[in-house]
């Protein structure tokens, strides 16, 4: 049951986070989330901004979120695999996406 619960938690978190990204004025959901993966971008950012942001939050020990690419250009990808990750954790990460 613990494994099933962990998977369900990751799927729920991805779904809920996709909805928050969809509603955020500065973020754009790139496609409907698949399993525990959410791909999105920060409006107005170029590749250098994604790289700098990813490096900054990794150095702080906050999260490991690496830039990715889509046919529409650079983006970010959340992949939720840790069942202890909460919506509050993700909100903190998203709060660092300043211009």
PDB file of N, CA and C in Angstrom:
ATOM      1  N   UNK A   1       0.818  -1.204   0.000  1.00  0.00           N
ATOM      2  CA  UNK A   1       0.000   0.000   0.000  1.00  0.00           C
ATOM      3  C   UNK A   1       0.857   1.262   0.000  1.00  0.00           C
ATOM      4  N   UNK A   2       2.022   1.221   0.618  1.00  0.00           N
ATOM      5  CA  UNK A   2       2.877   2.412   0.690  1.00  0.00           C
ATOM      6  C   UNK A   2       3.329   2.831  -0.706  1.00  0.00           C
ATOM      7  N   UNK A   3       3.683   1.872  -1.540  1.00  0.00           N
ATOM      8  CA  UNK A   3       4.118   2.192  -2.899  1.00  0.00           C
ATOM      9  C   UNK A   3       2.965   2.796  -3.690  1.00  0.00           C
ATOM     10  N   UNK A   4       1.810   2.183  -3.605  1.00  0.00           N
ATOM     11  CA  UNK A   4       0.631   2.697  -4.308  1.00  0.00           C
ATOM     12  C   UNK A   4       0.298   4.106  -3.840  1.00  0.00           C
ATOM     13  N   UNK A   5       0.350   4.332  -2.532  1.00  0.00           N
ATOM     14  CA  UNK A   5       0.062   5.654  -1.977  1.00  0.00           C
ATOM     15  C   UNK A   5       1.070   6.689  -2.457  1.00  0.00           C
ATOM     16  N   UNK A   6       2.349   6.304  -2.559  1.00  0.00           N
ATOM     17  CA  UNK A   6       3.388   7.223  -3.032  1.00  0.00           C
ATOM     18  C   UNK A   6       3.140   7.616  -4.490  1.00  0.00           C
ATOM     19  N   UNK A   7       2.769   6.645  -5.316  1.00  0.00           N
ATOM     20  CA  UNK A   7       2.473   6.930  -6.724  1.00  0.00           C
ATOM     21  C   UNK A   7       1.253   7.835  -6.837  1.00  0.00           C
ATOM     22  N   UNK A   8       0.226   7.536  -6.084  1.00  0.00           N
ATOM     23  CA  UNK A   8      -0.974   8.368  -6.119  1.00  0.00           C
ATOM     24  C   UNK A   8      -0.682   9.794  -5.676  1.00  0.00           C
ATOM     25  N   UNK A   9       0.174   9.958  -4.668  1.00  0.00           N
ATOM     26  CA  UNK A   9       0.555  11.289  -4.196  1.00  0.00           C
ATOM     27  C   UNK A   9       1.269  12.062  -5.306  1.00  0.00           C
ATOM     28  N   UNK A  10       2.196  11.423  -6.015  1.00  0.00           N
ATOM     29  CA  UNK A  10       2.927  12.086  -7.101  1.00  0.00           C
ATOM     30  C   UNK A  10       1.982  12.486  -8.235  1.00  0.00           C
ATOM     31  N   UNK A  11       1.055  11.624  -8.581  1.00  0.00           N
ATOM     32  CA  UNK A  11       0.108  11.928  -9.651  1.00  0.00           C
ATOM     33  C   UNK A  11      -0.824  13.071  -9.257  1.00  0.00           C
ATOM     34  N   UNK A  12      -1.285  13.057  -8.030  1.00  0.00           N
ATOM     35  CA  UNK A  12      -2.153  14.128  -7.540  1.00  0.00           C
ATOM     36  C   UNK A  12      -1.413  15.456  -7.520  1.00  0.00           C
ATOM     37  N   UNK A  13      -0.171  15.441  -7.052  1.00  0.00           N
ATOM     38  CA  UNK A  13       0.632  16.660  -7.000  1.00  0.00           C
ATOM     39  C   UNK A  13       0.834  17.222  -8.405  1.00  0.00           C
ATOM     40  N   UNK A  14       1.149  16.377  -9.367  1.00  0.00           N
ATOM     41  CA  UNK A  14       1.340  16.837 -10.748  1.00  0.00           C
ATOM     42  C   UNK A  14       0.053  17.444 -11.297  1.00  0.00           C
ATOM     43  N   UNK A  15      -1.057  16.805 -11.059  1.00  0.00           N
ATOM     44  CA  UNK A  15      -2.340  17.330 -11.541  1.00  0.00           C
ATOM     45  C   UNK A  15      -2.646  18.674 -10.912  1.00  0.00           C
ATOM     46  N   UNK A  16      -2.514  18.766  -9.597  1.00  0.00           N
ATOM     47  CA  UNK A  16      -2.815  20.023  -8.900  1.00  0.00           C
ATOM     48  C   UNK A  16      -1.873  21.134  -9.336  1.00  0.00           C
ATOM     49  N   UNK A  17      -0.596  20.815  -9.495  1.00  0.00           N
ATOM     50  CA  UNK A  17       0.376  21.821  -9.895  1.00  0.00           C
ATOM     51  C   UNK A  17       0.122  22.284 -11.322  1.00  0.00           C
ATOM     52  N   UNK A  18      -0.284  21.391 -12.196  1.00  0.00           N
ATOM     53  CA  UNK A  18      -0.605  21.786 -13.575  1.00  0.00           C
ATOM     54  C   UNK A  18      -1.737  22.806 -13.575  1.00  0.00           C
ATOM     55  N   UNK A  19      -2.710  22.620 -12.728  1.00  0.00           N
ATOM     56  CA  UNK A  19      -3.833  23.568 -12.648  1.00  0.00           C
ATOM     57  C   UNK A  19      -3.376  24.925 -12.136  1.00  0.00           C
ATOM     58  N   UNK A  20      -2.481  24.951 -11.170  1.00  0.00           N
ATOM     59  CA  UNK A  20      -1.962  26.215 -10.636  1.00  0.00           C
ATOM     60  C   UNK A  20      -1.125  26.927 -11.694  1.00  0.00           C
ATOM     61  N   UNK A  21      -0.304  26.183 -12.417  1.00  0.00           N
ATOM     62  CA  UNK A  21       0.499  26.785 -13.489  1.00  0.00           C
ATOM     63  C   UNK A  21      -0.421  27.348 -14.569  1.00  0.00           C
ATOM     64  N   UNK A  22      -1.428  26.619 -14.924  1.00  0.00           N
ATOM     65  CA  UNK A  22      -2.380  27.068 -15.951  1.00  0.00           C
ATOM     66  C   UNK A  22      -3.025  28.399 -15.547  1.00  0.00           C
ATOM     67  N   UNK A  23      -3.280  28.591 -14.276  1.00  0.00           N
ATOM     68  CA  UNK A  23      -3.949  29.802 -13.800  1.00  0.00           C
ATOM     69  C   UNK A  23      -2.984  30.963 -13.520  1.00  0.00           C
ATOM     70  N   UNK A  24      -1.688  30.716 -13.479  1.00  0.00           N
ATOM     71  CA  UNK A  24      -0.706  31.741 -13.129  1.00  0.00           C
ATOM     72  C   UNK A  24      -0.468  32.667 -14.327  1.00  0.00           C
ATOM     73  N   UNK A  25      -0.496  33.989 -14.139  1.00  0.00           N
ATOM     74  CA  UNK A  25      -0.360  34.898 -15.283  1.00  0.00           C
ATOM     75  C   UNK A  25       1.023  34.890 -15.938  1.00  0.00           C
ATOM     76  N   UNK A  26       2.071  34.508 -15.222  1.00  0.00           N
ATOM     77  CA  UNK A  26       3.428  34.540 -15.775  1.00  0.00           C
ATOM     78  C   UNK A  26       3.940  33.185 -16.234  1.00  0.00           C
ATOM     79  N   UNK A  27       3.137  32.139 -16.054  1.00  0.00           N
ATOM     80  CA  UNK A  27       3.559  30.794 -16.425  1.00  0.00           C
ATOM     81  C   UNK A  27       2.641  30.241 -17.502  1.00  0.00           C
ATOM     82  N   UNK A  28       3.179  29.338 -18.306  1.00  0.00           N
ATOM     83  CA  UNK A  28       2.397  28.716 -19.369  1.00  0.00           C
ATOM     84  C   UNK A  28       2.620  27.208 -19.332  1.00  0.00           C
ATOM     85  N   UNK A  29       1.551  26.462 -19.173  1.00  0.00           N
ATOM     86  CA  UNK A  29       1.616  25.006 -19.229  1.00  0.00           C
ATOM     87  C   UNK A  29       1.826  24.620 -20.687  1.00  0.00           C
ATOM     88  N   UNK A  30       2.874  23.842 -20.956  1.00  0.00           N
ATOM     89  CA  UNK A  30       3.230  23.523 -22.336  1.00  0.00           C
ATOM     90  C   UNK A  30       2.355  22.426 -22.937  1.00  0.00           C
ATOM     91  N   UNK A  31       1.904  21.495 -22.120  1.00  0.00           N
ATOM     92  CA  UNK A  31       1.000  20.446 -22.583  1.00  0.00           C
ATOM     93  C   UNK A  31       0.365  19.811 -21.359  1.00  0.00           C
ATOM     94  N   UNK A  32      -0.673  19.065 -21.591  1.00  0.00           N
ATOM     95  CA  UNK A  32      -1.333  18.375 -20.482  1.00  0.00           C
ATOM     96  C   UNK A  32      -0.319  17.476 -19.789  1.00  0.00           C
ATOM     97  N   UNK A  33      -0.305  17.503 -18.464  1.00  0.00           N
ATOM     98  CA  UNK A  33       0.698  16.712 -17.741  1.00  0.00           C
ATOM     99  C   UNK A  33       0.515  15.226 -18.027  1.00  0.00           C
ATOM    100  N   UNK A  34       1.643  14.521 -18.004  1.00  0.00           N
ATOM    101  CA  UNK A  34       1.640  13.076 -18.208  1.00  0.00           C
ATOM    102  C   UNK A  34       2.212  12.423 -16.962  1.00  0.00           C
ATOM    103  N   UNK A  35       1.458  11.557 -16.348  1.00  0.00           N
ATOM    104  CA  UNK A  35       1.850  10.895 -15.114  1.00  0.00           C
ATOM    105  C   UNK A  35       2.291  11.948 -14.103  1.00  0.00           C
ATOM    106  N   UNK A  36       3.566  11.924 -13.699  1.00  0.00           N
ATOM    107  CA  UNK A  36       3.997  12.879 -12.670  1.00  0.00           C
ATOM    108  C   UNK A  36       4.868  13.994 -13.241  1.00  0.00           C
ATOM    109  N   UNK A  37       4.824  14.202 -14.559  1.00  0.00           N
ATOM    110  CA  UNK A  37       5.655  15.213 -15.221  1.00  0.00           C
ATOM    111  C   UNK A  37       4.792  16.401 -15.653  1.00  0.00           C
ATOM    112  N   UNK A  38       5.291  17.611 -15.323  1.00  0.00           N
ATOM    113  CA  UNK A  38       4.625  18.848 -15.715  1.00  0.00           C
ATOM    114  C   UNK A  38       5.660  19.718 -16.422  1.00  0.00           C
ATOM    115  N   UNK A  39       5.401  20.062 -17.688  1.00  0.00           N
ATOM    116  CA  UNK A  39       6.310  20.898 -18.470  1.00  0.00           C
ATOM    117  C   UNK A  39       5.650  22.262 -18.648  1.00  0.00           C
ATOM    118  N   UNK A  40       6.417  23.303 -18.310  1.00  0.00           N
ATOM    119  CA  UNK A  40       5.880  24.656 -18.368  1.00  0.00           C
ATOM    120  C   UNK A  40       6.993  25.636 -18.656  1.00  0.00           C
ATOM    121  N   UNK A  41       6.614  26.871 -18.964  1.00  0.00           N
ATOM    122  CA  UNK A  41       7.631  27.891 -19.155  1.00  0.00           C
ATOM    123  C   UNK A  41       7.223  29.188 -18.471  1.00  0.00           C
ATOM    124  N   UNK A  42       8.235  30.001 -18.252  1.00  0.00           N
ATOM    125  CA  UNK A  42       8.057  31.332 -17.672  1.00  0.00           C
ATOM    126  C   UNK A  42       7.998  32.298 -18.843  1.00  0.00           C
ATOM    127  N   UNK A  43       6.893  32.992 -18.991  1.00  0.00           N
ATOM    128  CA  UNK A  43       6.747  33.928 -20.112  1.00  0.00           C
ATOM    129  C   UNK A  43       7.866  34.967 -20.062  1.00  0.00           C
ATOM    130  N   UNK A  44       8.471  35.235 -21.218  1.00  0.00           N
ATOM    131  CA  UNK A  44       9.501  36.247 -21.329  1.00  0.00           C
ATOM    132  C   UNK A  44      10.916  35.753 -21.081  1.00  0.00           C
ATOM    133  N   UNK A  45      11.072  34.529 -20.656  1.00  0.00           N
ATOM    134  CA  UNK A  45      12.411  34.010 -20.384  1.00  0.00           C
ATOM    135  C   UNK A  45      13.020  33.374 -21.622  1.00  0.00           C
ATOM    136  N   UNK A  46      14.341  33.535 -21.717  1.00  0.00           N
ATOM    137  CA  UNK A  46      15.127  32.859 -22.741  1.00  0.00           C
ATOM    138  C   UNK A  46      15.955  31.774 -22.053  1.00  0.00           C
ATOM    139  N   UNK A  47      16.699  31.002 -22.818  1.00  0.00           N
ATOM    140  CA  UNK A  47      17.458  29.876 -22.277  1.00  0.00           C
ATOM    141  C   UNK A  47      18.371  30.285 -21.121  1.00  0.00           C
ATOM    142  N   UNK A  48      19.054  31.417 -21.245  1.00  0.00           N
ATOM    143  CA  UNK A  48      19.989  31.856 -20.197  1.00  0.00           C
ATOM    144  C   UNK A  48      19.280  32.061 -18.859  1.00  0.00           C
ATOM    145  N   UNK A  49      18.069  32.573 -18.881  1.00  0.00           N
ATOM    146  CA  UNK A  49      17.322  32.791 -17.637  1.00  0.00           C
ATOM    147  C   UNK A  49      16.947  31.458 -16.992  1.00  0.00           C
ATOM    148  N   UNK A  50      16.553  30.484 -17.788  1.00  0.00           N
ATOM    149  CA  UNK A  50      16.244  29.153 -17.258  1.00  0.00           C
ATOM    150  C   UNK A  50      17.481  28.513 -16.631  1.00  0.00           C
ATOM    151  N   UNK A  51      18.608  28.618 -17.334  1.00  0.00           N
ATOM    152  CA  UNK A  51      19.853  28.037 -16.827  1.00  0.00           C
ATOM    153  C   UNK A  51      20.275  28.688 -15.512  1.00  0.00           C
ATOM    154  N   UNK A  52      20.218  30.016 -15.454  1.00  0.00           N
ATOM    155  CA  UNK A  52      20.619  30.735 -14.237  1.00  0.00           C
ATOM    156  C   UNK A  52      19.701  30.391 -13.070  1.00  0.00           C
ATOM    157  N   UNK A  53      18.404  30.322 -13.321  1.00  0.00           N
ATOM    158  CA  UNK A  53      17.447  29.987 -12.271  1.00  0.00           C
ATOM    159  C   UNK A  53      17.698  28.578 -11.738  1.00  0.00           C
ATOM    160  N   UNK A  54      17.872  27.627 -12.652  1.00  0.00           N
ATOM    161  CA  UNK A  54      18.107  26.244 -12.247  1.00  0.00           C
ATOM    162  C   UNK A  54      19.373  26.136 -11.400  1.00  0.00           C
ATOM    163  N   UNK A  55      20.447  26.793 -11.830  1.00  0.00           N
ATOM    164  CA  UNK A  55      21.699  26.783 -11.061  1.00  0.00           C
ATOM    165  C   UNK A  55      21.505  27.403  -9.677  1.00  0.00           C
ATOM    166  N   UNK A  56      20.770  28.508  -9.622  1.00  0.00           N
ATOM    167  CA  UNK A  56      20.555  29.227  -8.362  1.00  0.00           C
ATOM    168  C   UNK A  56      19.792  28.376  -7.334  1.00  0.00           C
ATOM    169  N   UNK A  57      18.706  27.735  -7.755  1.00  0.00           N
ATOM    170  CA  UNK A  57      17.940  26.961  -6.772  1.00  0.00           C
ATOM    171  C   UNK A  57      18.669  25.678  -6.378  1.00  0.00           C
ATOM    172  N   UNK A  58      19.497  25.141  -7.291  1.00  0.00           N
ATOM    173  CA  UNK A  58      20.286  23.961  -6.944  1.00  0.00           C
ATOM    174  C   UNK A  58      21.362  24.330  -5.914  1.00  0.00           C
ATOM    175  N   UNK A  59      22.057  25.459  -6.129  1.00  0.00           N
ATOM    176  CA  UNK A  59      23.085  25.904  -5.168  1.00  0.00           C
ATOM    177  C   UNK A  59      22.483  26.150  -3.785  1.00  0.00           C
ATOM    178  N   UNK A  60      21.260  26.656  -3.745  1.00  0.00           N
ATOM    179  CA  UNK A  60      20.573  26.891  -2.468  1.00  0.00           C
ATOM    180  C   UNK A  60      20.120  25.597  -1.805  1.00  0.00           C
ATOM    181  N   UNK A  61      20.143  24.507  -2.557  1.00  0.00           N
ATOM    182  CA  UNK A  61      19.671  23.238  -2.023  1.00  0.00           C
ATOM    183  C   UNK A  61      18.157  23.152  -1.981  1.00  0.00           C
ATOM    184  N   UNK A  62      17.501  24.002  -2.747  1.00  0.00           N
ATOM    185  CA  UNK A  62      16.038  24.044  -2.738  1.00  0.00           C
ATOM    186  C   UNK A  62      15.439  22.927  -3.577  1.00  0.00           C
ATOM    187  N   UNK A  63      15.951  22.756  -4.797  1.00  0.00           N
ATOM    188  CA  UNK A  63      15.371  21.755  -5.698  1.00  0.00           C
ATOM    189  C   UNK A  63      16.319  21.505  -6.860  1.00  0.00           C
ATOM    190  N   UNK A  64      16.086  20.395  -7.534  1.00  0.00           N
ATOM    191  CA  UNK A  64      16.816  20.063  -8.745  1.00  0.00           C
ATOM    192  C   UNK A  64      15.803  20.068  -9.878  1.00  0.00           C
ATOM    193  N   UNK A  65      15.691  21.213 -10.549  1.00  0.00           N
ATOM    194  CA  UNK A  65      14.771  21.378 -11.671  1.00  0.00           C
ATOM    195  C   UNK A  65      15.609  21.887 -12.833  1.00  0.00           C
ATOM    196  N   UNK A  66      15.783  21.053 -13.833  1.00  0.00           N
ATOM    197  CA  UNK A  66      16.630  21.443 -14.959  1.00  0.00           C
ATOM    198  C   UNK A  66      15.779  21.902 -16.134  1.00  0.00           C
ATOM    199  N   UNK A  67      16.318  22.856 -16.901  1.00  0.00           N
ATOM    200  CA  UNK A  67      15.597  23.283 -18.094  1.00  0.00           C
ATOM    201  C   UNK A  67      15.479  22.122 -19.084  1.00  0.00           C
ATOM    202  N   UNK A  68      14.467  22.199 -19.894  1.00  0.00           N
ATOM    203  CA  UNK A  68      14.247  21.218 -20.946  1.00  0.00           C
ATOM    204  C   UNK A  68      13.880  21.975 -22.201  1.00  0.00           C
ATOM    205  N   UNK A  69      13.664  21.305 -23.259  1.00  0.00           N
ATOM    206  CA  UNK A  69      13.271  21.958 -24.494  1.00  0.00           C
ATOM    207  C   UNK A  69      12.037  21.299 -25.084  1.00  0.00           C
ATOM    208  N   UNK A  70      11.267  22.094 -25.773  1.00  0.00           N
ATOM    209  CA  UNK A  70      10.100  21.596 -26.500  1.00  0.00           C
ATOM    210  C   UNK A  70      10.189  22.158 -27.910  1.00  0.00           C
ATOM    211  N   UNK A  71       9.287  21.788 -28.754  1.00  0.00           N
ATOM    212  CA  UNK A  71       9.280  22.342 -30.111  1.00  0.00           C
ATOM    213  C   UNK A  71       9.011  23.839 -30.093  1.00  0.00           C
ATOM    214  N   UNK A  72       8.466  24.346 -28.980  1.00  0.00           N
ATOM    215  CA  UNK A  72       8.188  25.779 -28.830  1.00  0.00           C
ATOM    216  C   UNK A  72       9.305  26.533 -28.120  1.00  0.00           C
ATOM    217  N   UNK A  73      10.408  25.861 -27.792  1.00  0.00           N
ATOM    218  CA  UNK A  73      11.528  26.539 -27.144  1.00  0.00           C
ATOM    219  C   UNK A  73      11.810  26.001 -25.757  1.00  0.00           C
ATOM    220  N   UNK A  74      12.644  26.737 -24.998  1.00  0.00           N
ATOM    221  CA  UNK A  74      13.042  26.260 -23.669  1.00  0.00           C
ATOM    222  C   UNK A  74      11.876  26.248 -22.694  1.00  0.00           C
ATOM    223  N   UNK A  75      11.978  25.374 -21.703  1.00  0.00           N
ATOM    224  CA  UNK A  75      10.921  25.236 -20.706  1.00  0.00           C
ATOM    225  C   UNK A  75      11.526  24.609 -19.454  1.00  0.00           C
ATOM    226  N   UNK A  76      10.697  24.394 -18.466  1.00  0.00           N
ATOM    227  CA  UNK A  76      11.072  23.697 -17.240  1.00  0.00           C
ATOM    228  C   UNK A  76      10.219  22.454 -17.104  1.00  0.00           C
ATOM    229  N   UNK A  77      10.759  21.471 -16.381  1.00  0.00           N
ATOM    230  CA  UNK A  77      10.033  20.210 -16.215  1.00  0.00           C
ATOM    231  C   UNK A  77      10.077  19.803 -14.754  1.00  0.00           C
ATOM    232  N   UNK A  78       8.905  19.740 -14.146  1.00  0.00           N
ATOM    233  CA  UNK A  78       8.781  19.147 -12.819  1.00  0.00           C
ATOM    234  C   UNK A  78       8.501  17.668 -13.008  1.00  0.00           C
ATOM    235  N   UNK A  79       9.196  16.828 -12.268  1.00  0.00           N
ATOM    236  CA  UNK A  79       8.924  15.394 -12.260  1.00  0.00           C
ATOM    237  C   UNK A  79       8.800  15.001 -10.799  1.00  0.00           C
ATOM    238  N   UNK A  80       7.601  14.708 -10.368  1.00  0.00           N
ATOM    239  CA  UNK A  80       7.336  14.422  -8.967  1.00  0.00           C
ATOM    240  C   UNK A  80       7.491  12.931  -8.697  1.00  0.00           C
ATOM    241  N   UNK A  81       8.541  12.590  -7.938  1.00  0.00           N
ATOM    242  CA  UNK A  81       8.770  11.189  -7.594  1.00  0.00           C
ATOM    243  C   UNK A  81       8.905  10.977  -6.094  1.00  0.00           C
ATOM    244  N   UNK A  82       9.169  12.039  -5.345  1.00  0.00           N
ATOM    245  CA  UNK A  82       9.315  11.918  -3.902  1.00  0.00           C
ATOM    246  C   UNK A  82       7.937  12.068  -3.256  1.00  0.00           C
ATOM    247  N   UNK A  83       7.441  11.044  -2.600  1.00  0.00           N
ATOM    248  CA  UNK A  83       6.093  11.130  -2.023  1.00  0.00           C
ATOM    249  C   UNK A  83       5.988  12.135  -0.882  1.00  0.00           C
ATOM    250  N   UNK A  84       7.120  12.615  -0.389  1.00  0.00           N
ATOM    251  CA  UNK A  84       7.078  13.620   0.681  1.00  0.00           C
ATOM    252  C   UNK A  84       7.018  15.043   0.151  1.00  0.00           C
ATOM    253  N   UNK A  85       7.088  15.218  -1.163  1.00  0.00           N
ATOM    254  CA  UNK A  85       6.960  16.548  -1.756  1.00  0.00           C
ATOM    255  C   UNK A  85       5.525  17.023  -1.575  1.00  0.00           C
ATOM    256  N   UNK A  86       5.375  18.255  -1.130  1.00  0.00           N
ATOM    257  CA  UNK A  86       4.046  18.811  -0.880  1.00  0.00           C
ATOM    258  C   UNK A  86       3.767  19.964  -1.833  1.00  0.00           C
ATOM    259  N   UNK A  87       2.515  20.381  -1.863  1.00  0.00           N
ATOM    260  CA  UNK A  87       2.149  21.560  -2.646  1.00  0.00           C
ATOM    261  C   UNK A  87       2.904  22.774  -2.118  1.00  0.00           C
ATOM    262  N   UNK A  88       3.099  22.857  -0.821  1.00  0.00           N
ATOM    263  CA  UNK A  88       3.834  23.985  -0.242  1.00  0.00           C
ATOM    264  C   UNK A  88       5.269  24.017  -0.764  1.00  0.00           C
ATOM    265  N   UNK A  89       5.901  22.857  -0.893  1.00  0.00           N
ATOM    266  CA  UNK A  89       7.257  22.791  -1.455  1.00  0.00           C
ATOM    267  C   UNK A  89       7.279  23.355  -2.873  1.00  0.00           C
ATOM    268  N   UNK A  90       6.323  22.946  -3.663  1.00  0.00           N
ATOM    269  CA  UNK A  90       6.276  23.384  -5.057  1.00  0.00           C
ATOM    270  C   UNK A  90       5.957  24.872  -5.139  1.00  0.00           C
ATOM    271  N   UNK A  91       5.112  25.359  -4.271  1.00  0.00           N
ATOM    272  CA  UNK A  91       4.802  26.794  -4.240  1.00  0.00           C
ATOM    273  C   UNK A  91       6.063  27.605  -3.958  1.00  0.00           C
ATOM    274  N   UNK A  92       6.903  27.126  -3.052  1.00  0.00           N
ATOM    275  CA  UNK A  92       8.168  27.811  -2.745  1.00  0.00           C
ATOM    276  C   UNK A  92       9.042  27.851  -3.993  1.00  0.00           C
ATOM    277  N   UNK A  93       9.143  26.730  -4.692  1.00  0.00           N
ATOM    278  CA  UNK A  93       9.953  26.685  -5.910  1.00  0.00           C
ATOM    279  C   UNK A  93       9.398  27.648  -6.955  1.00  0.00           C
ATOM    280  N   UNK A  94       8.096  27.613  -7.192  1.00  0.00           N
ATOM    281  CA  UNK A  94       7.503  28.502  -8.181  1.00  0.00           C
ATOM    282  C   UNK A  94       7.666  29.969  -7.799  1.00  0.00           C
ATOM    283  N   UNK A  95       7.708  30.246  -6.501  1.00  0.00           N
ATOM    284  CA  UNK A  95       7.884  31.613  -6.033  1.00  0.00           C
ATOM    285  C   UNK A  95       9.240  32.193  -6.376  1.00  0.00           C
ATOM    286  N   UNK A  96      10.187  31.347  -6.757  1.00  0.00           N
ATOM    287  CA  UNK A  96      11.522  31.838  -7.128  1.00  0.00           C
ATOM    288  C   UNK A  96      11.633  32.186  -8.608  1.00  0.00           C
ATOM    289  N   UNK A  97      10.567  32.031  -9.351  1.00  0.00           N
ATOM    290  CA  UNK A  97      10.588  32.293 -10.791  1.00  0.00           C
ATOM    291  C   UNK A  97      10.361  33.776 -11.094  1.00  0.00           C
ATOM    292  N   UNK A  98      11.169  34.637 -10.498  1.00  0.00           N
ATOM    293  CA  UNK A  98      11.046  36.060 -10.741  1.00  0.00           C
ATOM    294  C   UNK A  98      11.666  36.411 -12.095  1.00  0.00           C
ATOM    295  N   UNK A  99      11.360  37.574 -12.574  1.00  0.00           N
ATOM    296  CA  UNK A  99      11.941  38.029 -13.846  1.00  0.00           C
ATOM    297  C   UNK A  99      13.395  38.324 -13.739  1.00  0.00           C
TER     298      UNK A  99
END
